[in-house]
Amino acid sequence: MIHIYKKVSLIVLVAFFSIKTNAQTGIGTTTPDVSAKLEVASTTKGFLVPRMTAAQKNAIPIPANGLLVYQTDAPAGFYVNTGTAAAPSWLRVNTDWTKSGNDISYTAGNISTTGNLTGGASTSSKLSGFGTVVTSKSAGFTLAAEDNGSVINMNSSTAVTITIPTGLPDGFNCMIFQNGTGQITFTGSGLVPINRNGYTKSIGQNALVTILHIGSNKVVISGELSN
């Protein structure tokens, strides 16, 4: 009995000093990588992290920075807390983008940015495969930043006014097509639209007018215009 006790004690001591010496733990391996505190090795099974809903994830009390969970409801995926325990910020790790060589693609949903999109080569980078938003309207309105790059199809049988406000993005441009018989008047709010002839109205049905903001609330209207 004493012999067995001594043998067990020796095994425990060896294991203890082995752990203290290596400072790594291996599961499924006796030689964990020296750069890892814990290595799980298997060729037949995976590593399963805690799975929970978004509500359950957000209810974790004081989550540590770097805490990793798998969210089971939409948008499902791995989430890591990139914030602090007091102010957590959960970042979705996996992505819906598809990468092939140097190309990436996204086939569902919308892409938005609050910054700039910059081409890799200013003289040769191009945008292709995009359509233009065409919006139909039948009454006067005030242009907004969201109209940038769009085509406004004006379907009115009576005269209408399109107001151009200050504060539009630099480079803002859109086209107005007079599809109806109602003439379109262009006016500014806090600015005066300009062109060579000082015209402010569409010339008639099927007229096409372009609006361009070149910066500092200087807006040019051009195209099939009259007074």
Protein backbone atom coordinates (compact mmCIF):
# COMPACT_ATOMS: atom_id res chain seq x y z
CA MET A 1 0.00 0.00 0.00
CA ILE A 2 2.85 2.33 0.93
CA HIS A 3 4.60 1.37 -2.29
CA ILE A 4 1.52 2.29 -4.38
CA TYR A 5 1.18 5.61 -2.50
CA LYS A 6 4.80 6.51 -3.19
CA LYS A 7 4.39 5.59 -6.87
CA VAL A 8 1.29 7.80 -7.27
CA SER A 9 3.03 10.64 -5.44
CA LEU A 10 6.01 10.33 -7.76
CA ILE A 11 3.75 10.49 -10.86
CA VAL A 12 2.00 13.59 -9.50
CA LEU A 13 5.33 15.27 -8.75
CA VAL A 14 6.69 14.46 -12.20
CA ALA A 15 3.55 15.82 -13.83
CA PHE A 16 3.69 18.95 -11.67
CA PHE A 17 7.31 19.71 -12.50
CA SER A 18 6.67 18.90 -16.15
CA ILE A 19 3.89 21.48 -16.28
CA LYS A 20 6.01 24.03 -14.42
CA THR A 21 8.93 23.42 -16.78
CA ASN A 22 7.05 23.41 -20.10
CA ALA A 23 4.45 26.06 -19.19
CA GLN A 24 2.24 24.59 -21.92
CA THR A 25 -0.72 22.24 -21.88
CA GLY A 26 -1.48 19.78 -24.63
CA ILE A 27 -4.75 18.00 -25.30
CA GLY A 28 -4.31 15.23 -27.82
CA THR A 29 -0.58 15.91 -27.99
CA THR A 30 2.38 15.43 -25.69
CA THR A 31 4.38 18.14 -27.42
CA PRO A 32 2.33 21.34 -27.43
CA ASP A 33 3.78 24.16 -29.49
CA VAL A 34 6.13 26.35 -27.48
CA SER A 35 4.26 29.49 -28.57
CA ALA A 36 0.92 28.21 -27.22
CA LYS A 37 -0.30 28.09 -23.66
CA LEU A 38 -2.84 25.46 -24.74
CA GLU A 39 -2.79 23.29 -27.86
CA VAL A 40 -5.66 21.01 -28.81
CA ALA A 41 -4.64 18.48 -31.46
CA SER A 42 -6.95 16.20 -33.43
CA THR A 43 -7.47 15.02 -36.98
CA THR A 44 -11.02 13.81 -36.40
CA LYS A 45 -12.65 16.40 -34.12
CA GLY A 46 -12.92 20.18 -33.85
CA PHE A 47 -12.72 22.76 -31.10
CA LEU A 48 -16.14 23.94 -29.93
CA VAL A 49 -16.49 27.37 -28.36
CA PRO A 50 -19.55 28.47 -26.36
CA ARG A 51 -22.62 28.94 -28.59
CA MET A 52 -25.38 31.42 -27.76
CA THR A 53 -27.86 33.93 -29.17
CA ALA A 54 -27.11 37.63 -29.60
CA ALA A 55 -29.20 38.43 -26.54
CA GLN A 56 -27.28 35.91 -24.46
CA LYS A 57 -23.95 37.23 -25.78
CA ASN A 58 -24.89 40.81 -24.94
CA ALA A 59 -25.95 39.72 -21.45
CA ILE A 60 -22.52 38.33 -20.53
CA PRO A 61 -21.44 40.31 -17.45
CA ILE A 62 -18.16 42.25 -17.76
CA PRO A 63 -16.88 40.30 -20.81
CA ALA A 64 -13.10 40.37 -21.05
CA ASN A 65 -11.36 41.98 -24.00
CA GLY A 66 -10.67 39.17 -26.49
CA LEU A 67 -13.54 36.98 -25.28
CA LEU A 68 -14.71 34.71 -28.12
CA VAL A 69 -18.18 33.20 -28.61
CA TYR A 70 -20.23 31.80 -31.49
CA GLN A 71 -23.56 33.58 -32.11
CA THR A 72 -26.23 31.20 -33.36
CA ASP A 73 -28.84 33.70 -34.61
CA ALA A 74 -28.48 36.17 -37.46
CA PRO A 75 -25.98 37.36 -38.31
CA ALA A 76 -24.47 34.09 -37.11
CA GLY A 77 -20.74 33.69 -36.68
CA PHE A 78 -17.79 34.07 -34.38
CA TYR A 79 -17.73 37.26 -32.32
CA VAL A 80 -14.85 38.69 -30.30
CA ASN A 81 -15.05 41.50 -27.77
CA THR A 82 -12.71 44.18 -29.10
CA GLY A 83 -13.84 46.64 -26.44
CA THR A 84 -13.40 46.60 -22.70
CA ALA A 85 -15.24 44.73 -19.98
CA ALA A 86 -17.03 47.95 -19.06
CA ALA A 87 -17.80 48.91 -22.64
CA PRO A 88 -17.86 45.75 -24.79
CA SER A 89 -17.75 46.00 -28.57
CA TRP A 90 -18.56 42.71 -30.31
CA LEU A 91 -16.89 42.30 -33.70
CA ARG A 92 -18.04 39.59 -36.11
CA VAL A 93 -14.95 37.68 -37.18
CA ASN A 94 -16.14 35.65 -40.14
CA THR A 95 -17.07 37.31 -43.41
CA ASP A 96 -19.51 36.91 -46.30
CA TRP A 97 -16.93 38.04 -48.85
CA THR A 98 -15.55 35.55 -51.37
CA LYS A 99 -11.86 35.81 -52.26
CA SER A 100 -10.35 34.42 -55.45
CA GLY A 101 -6.73 35.37 -56.10
CA ASN A 102 -6.55 39.16 -55.84
CA ASP A 103 -10.32 39.55 -56.35
CA ILE A 104 -13.03 39.77 -53.73
CA SER A 105 -16.78 39.65 -54.30
CA TYR A 106 -19.98 40.03 -52.33
CA THR A 107 -23.21 38.70 -53.75
CA ALA A 108 -25.83 39.71 -51.17
CA GLY A 109 -26.80 42.89 -49.38
CA ASN A 110 -25.39 46.39 -49.71
CA ILE A 111 -21.94 47.86 -49.26
CA SER A 112 -21.59 51.22 -47.52
CA THR A 113 -18.75 53.34 -46.23
CA THR A 114 -18.37 56.62 -44.40
CA GLY A 115 -14.86 57.06 -45.77
CA ASN A 116 -13.38 57.17 -49.25
CA LEU A 117 -13.04 54.47 -51.89
CA THR A 118 -9.65 54.86 -53.53
CA GLY A 119 -8.44 53.07 -56.65
CA GLY A 120 -5.03 51.44 -56.61
CA ALA A 121 -3.95 53.38 -59.72
CA SER A 122 -5.40 56.86 -60.15
CA THR A 123 -5.01 56.79 -63.93
CA SER A 124 -6.34 53.30 -64.64
CA SER A 125 -8.61 52.18 -61.76
CA LYS A 126 -12.19 51.81 -62.95
CA LEU A 127 -15.66 51.02 -61.69
CA SER A 128 -17.64 48.60 -63.82
CA GLY A 129 -20.75 46.47 -63.61
CA PHE A 130 -22.77 49.03 -61.63
CA GLY A 131 -26.19 50.36 -62.57
CA THR A 132 -27.50 53.84 -61.74
CA VAL A 133 -30.39 54.43 -59.39
CA VAL A 134 -33.37 55.85 -61.30
CA THR A 135 -35.98 57.52 -59.11
CA SER A 136 -39.36 58.62 -60.42
CA LYS A 137 -40.98 61.72 -58.93
CA SER A 138 -44.14 63.63 -59.72
CA ALA A 139 -43.80 66.68 -57.46
CA GLY A 140 -41.19 69.27 -56.60
CA PHE A 141 -38.60 68.36 -53.97
CA THR A 142 -35.27 69.34 -52.43
CA LEU A 143 -32.18 67.45 -53.50
CA ALA A 144 -30.31 65.49 -50.82
CA ALA A 145 -26.92 63.80 -50.58
CA GLU A 146 -28.64 60.45 -51.24
CA ASP A 147 -29.47 61.67 -54.78
CA ASN A 148 -25.78 61.75 -55.69
CA GLY A 149 -25.09 59.77 -58.86
CA SER A 150 -28.76 59.12 -59.55
CA VAL A 151 -31.18 59.89 -62.35
CA ILE A 152 -34.41 61.66 -61.42
CA ASN A 153 -37.29 60.85 -63.78
CA MET A 154 -39.75 63.72 -63.32
CA ASN A 155 -43.28 62.66 -64.25
CA SER A 156 -45.39 65.76 -63.77
CA SER A 157 -47.98 67.32 -66.04
CA THR A 158 -47.69 70.66 -64.21
CA ALA A 159 -44.71 72.89 -63.50
CA VAL A 160 -42.51 71.80 -60.58
CA THR A 161 -39.51 73.21 -58.72
CA ILE A 162 -36.38 71.34 -57.70
CA THR A 163 -34.49 73.06 -54.88
CA ILE A 164 -30.73 72.71 -54.57
CA PRO A 165 -29.58 73.14 -50.93
CA THR A 166 -26.20 74.03 -49.50
CA GLY A 167 -24.02 71.31 -48.01
CA LEU A 168 -24.20 68.75 -50.79
CA PRO A 169 -21.07 66.55 -51.07
CA ASP A 170 -18.22 67.87 -53.20
CA GLY A 171 -18.57 66.32 -56.64
CA PHE A 172 -22.30 65.73 -56.16
CA ASN A 173 -23.91 65.13 -59.52
CA CYS A 174 -27.23 63.88 -60.78
CA MET A 175 -29.32 64.06 -63.92
CA ILE A 176 -32.91 65.25 -64.15
CA PHE A 177 -35.09 64.00 -67.01
CA GLN A 178 -38.32 65.88 -67.74
CA ASN A 179 -40.53 62.95 -68.68
CA GLY A 180 -43.80 64.81 -68.18
CA THR A 181 -45.10 68.00 -69.77
CA GLY A 182 -44.54 70.08 -66.63
CA GLN A 183 -41.55 72.39 -66.92
CA ILE A 184 -38.91 72.11 -64.18
CA THR A 185 -37.52 75.18 -62.42
CA PHE A 186 -34.18 74.89 -60.61
CA THR A 187 -33.63 77.12 -57.63
CA GLY A 188 -31.11 77.31 -54.82
CA SER A 189 -31.58 77.49 -51.08
CA GLY A 190 -28.65 79.51 -49.73
CA LEU A 191 -26.93 79.42 -53.13
CA VAL A 192 -27.48 80.49 -56.74
CA PRO A 193 -27.09 77.80 -59.41
CA ILE A 194 -24.94 78.95 -62.31
CA ASN A 195 -24.42 78.28 -66.03
CA ARG A 196 -23.20 80.25 -69.06
CA ASN A 197 -26.58 81.69 -69.98
CA GLY A 198 -28.15 82.06 -66.54
CA TYR A 199 -30.94 79.64 -67.46
CA THR A 200 -32.94 78.07 -64.63
CA LYS A 201 -35.63 75.96 -66.34
CA SER A 202 -35.81 72.82 -68.43
CA ILE A 203 -36.54 73.55 -72.07
CA GLY A 204 -39.50 71.18 -72.35
CA GLN A 205 -40.61 67.57 -72.34
CA ASN A 206 -37.78 65.05 -72.82
CA ALA A 207 -35.19 67.61 -71.71
CA LEU A 208 -32.17 66.34 -69.78
CA VAL A 209 -30.43 68.51 -67.16
CA THR A 210 -27.28 67.80 -65.14
CA ILE A 211 -26.56 69.22 -61.69
CA LEU A 212 -22.95 69.37 -60.48
CA HIS A 213 -21.61 70.64 -57.15
CA ILE A 214 -17.93 71.54 -57.61
CA GLY A 215 -17.42 72.51 -53.96
CA SER A 216 -17.96 75.47 -51.64
CA ASN A 217 -21.68 75.47 -52.53
CA LYS A 218 -20.91 76.34 -56.16
CA VAL A 219 -23.49 74.43 -58.19
CA VAL A 220 -23.58 74.25 -61.98
CA ILE A 221 -26.73 73.27 -63.89
CA SER A 222 -26.30 72.45 -67.54
CA GLY A 223 -28.09 70.72 -70.39
CA GLU A 224 -31.34 71.49 -72.18
CA LEU A 225 -32.27 74.69 -70.34
CA SER A 226 -34.23 77.87 -71.03
CA ASN A 227 -35.94 80.69 -69.18
